[in-house]
Amino acid sequence: MPKMKSDSAAKKRFKLTASGKIKRHKAFRSHILTSKTQKRKRNLRKSGLVDKTETKRIKMLLQN
C-alpha cells in the first residue's frame, strides 16, 4: 500500500507549536477593510490557536 500523503492545504494554513497546539491565522482580513475598525483589523493580524475540539482532525491532516 502506498504512503499516506499529508494535506497540502493544511500544511500551508497551520503550524504546530512546541507544546503540540496548532497555530492558525484569523479570518475576515482579506477585503472590505474600510468598514472594519483599526482595532479590529489590528487584532486580526495576530495568530490564534485552533480549538481543542478540532485539533485531532487537523493533526491527522498534517501527519505524513
C-alpha atoms as a PDB file:
ATOM      1  CA  MET A   1       0.000   0.000   0.000  1.00  0.00           C
ATOM      2  CA  PRO A   2       1.380   3.490  -0.830  1.00  0.00           C
ATOM      3  CA  LYS A   3       2.281   6.058   1.797  1.00  0.00           C
ATOM      4  CA  MET A   4      -0.428   8.400   3.020  1.00  0.00           C
ATOM      5  CA  LYS A   5       0.063  11.988   1.940  1.00  0.00           C
ATOM      6  CA  SER A   6      -0.374  14.928   4.271  1.00  0.00           C
ATOM      7  CA  ASP A   7      -2.954  17.503   3.191  1.00  0.00           C
ATOM      8  CA  SER A   8      -1.170  20.250   1.217  1.00  0.00           C
ATOM      9  CA  ALA A   9      -3.781  22.888   2.031  1.00  0.00           C
ATOM     10  CA  ALA A  10      -3.470  22.152   5.756  1.00  0.00           C
ATOM     11  CA  LYS A  11       0.342  22.395   5.570  1.00  0.00           C
ATOM     12  CA  LYS A  12       0.002  25.942   4.234  1.00  0.00           C
ATOM     13  CA  ARG A  13      -2.589  27.047   6.800  1.00  0.00           C
ATOM     14  CA  PHE A  14      -1.474  25.523  10.117  1.00  0.00           C
ATOM     15  CA  LYS A  15       1.741  25.228  12.135  1.00  0.00           C
ATOM     16  CA  LEU A  16       2.416  23.009  15.133  1.00  0.00           C
ATOM     17  CA  THR A  17       3.761  24.676  18.271  1.00  0.00           C
ATOM     18  CA  ALA A  18       6.365  23.074  20.525  1.00  0.00           C
ATOM     19  CA  SER A  19       3.693  22.104  23.055  1.00  0.00           C
ATOM     20  CA  GLY A  20       1.618  20.366  20.366  1.00  0.00           C
ATOM     21  CA  LYS A  21      -1.041  23.019  19.870  1.00  0.00           C
ATOM     22  CA  ILE A  22      -1.972  24.180  16.382  1.00  0.00           C
ATOM     23  CA  LYS A  23      -1.445  27.792  15.326  1.00  0.00           C
ATOM     24  CA  ARG A  24      -3.662  29.406  12.695  1.00  0.00           C
ATOM     25  CA  HIS A  25      -4.320  32.760  11.039  1.00  0.00           C
ATOM     26  CA  LYS A  26      -7.526  34.651  11.705  1.00  0.00           C
ATOM     27  CA  ALA A  27     -10.236  35.062   9.078  1.00  0.00           C
ATOM     28  CA  PHE A  28     -12.023  38.216   7.812  1.00  0.00           C
ATOM     29  CA  ARG A  29      -8.944  40.210   6.849  1.00  0.00           C
ATOM     30  CA  SER A  30      -8.850  39.853   3.074  1.00  0.00           C
ATOM     31  CA  HIS A  31     -11.236  42.522   1.760  1.00  0.00           C
ATOM     32  CA  ILE A  32     -13.879  45.130   2.686  1.00  0.00           C
ATOM     33  CA  LEU A  33     -11.500  46.532   5.272  1.00  0.00           C
ATOM     34  CA  THR A  34     -12.905  50.084   5.177  1.00  0.00           C
ATOM     35  CA  SER A  35     -15.923  49.092   7.259  1.00  0.00           C
ATOM     36  CA  LYS A  36     -13.791  47.462   9.955  1.00  0.00           C
ATOM     37  CA  THR A  37     -12.257  49.483  12.783  1.00  0.00           C
ATOM     38  CA  GLN A  38      -8.484  49.846  13.222  1.00  0.00           C
ATOM     39  CA  LYS A  39      -8.672  47.925  16.497  1.00  0.00           C
ATOM     40  CA  ARG A  40     -10.481  45.024  14.845  1.00  0.00           C
ATOM     41  CA  LYS A  41      -8.003  44.872  11.931  1.00  0.00           C
ATOM     42  CA  ARG A  42      -5.047  45.066  14.325  1.00  0.00           C
ATOM     43  CA  ASN A  43      -6.383  42.138  16.353  1.00  0.00           C
ATOM     44  CA  LEU A  44      -6.954  40.104  13.190  1.00  0.00           C
ATOM     45  CA  ARG A  45      -3.224  40.375  12.391  1.00  0.00           C
ATOM     46  CA  LYS A  46      -2.354  38.216  15.388  1.00  0.00           C
ATOM     47  CA  SER A  47      -2.340  34.469  15.076  1.00  0.00           C
ATOM     48  CA  GLY A  48      -4.722  32.316  17.052  1.00  0.00           C
ATOM     49  CA  LEU A  49      -4.914  28.724  18.201  1.00  0.00           C
ATOM     50  CA  VAL A  50      -7.192  26.043  16.821  1.00  0.00           C
ATOM     51  CA  ASP A  51      -9.907  24.987  19.253  1.00  0.00           C
ATOM     52  CA  LYS A  52      -9.188  21.769  21.164  1.00  0.00           C
ATOM     53  CA  THR A  53     -12.242  20.098  19.588  1.00  0.00           C
ATOM     54  CA  GLU A  54     -10.654  20.460  16.125  1.00  0.00           C
ATOM     55  CA  THR A  55      -7.019  19.626  16.957  1.00  0.00           C
ATOM     56  CA  LYS A  56      -7.302  15.857  16.446  1.00  0.00           C
ATOM     57  CA  ARG A  57      -8.830  16.309  12.983  1.00  0.00           C
ATOM     58  CA  ILE A  58      -6.193  18.816  11.848  1.00  0.00           C
ATOM     59  CA  LYS A  59      -3.290  16.770  13.248  1.00  0.00           C
ATOM     60  CA  MET A  60      -4.489  13.866  11.102  1.00  0.00           C
ATOM     61  CA  LEU A  61      -4.342  16.125   8.037  1.00  0.00           C
ATOM     62  CA  LEU A  62      -0.821  17.266   8.922  1.00  0.00           C
ATOM     63  CA  GLN A  63       0.766  13.891   9.635  1.00  0.00           C
ATOM     64  CA  ASN A  64       2.954  12.434   6.888  1.00  0.00           C
END
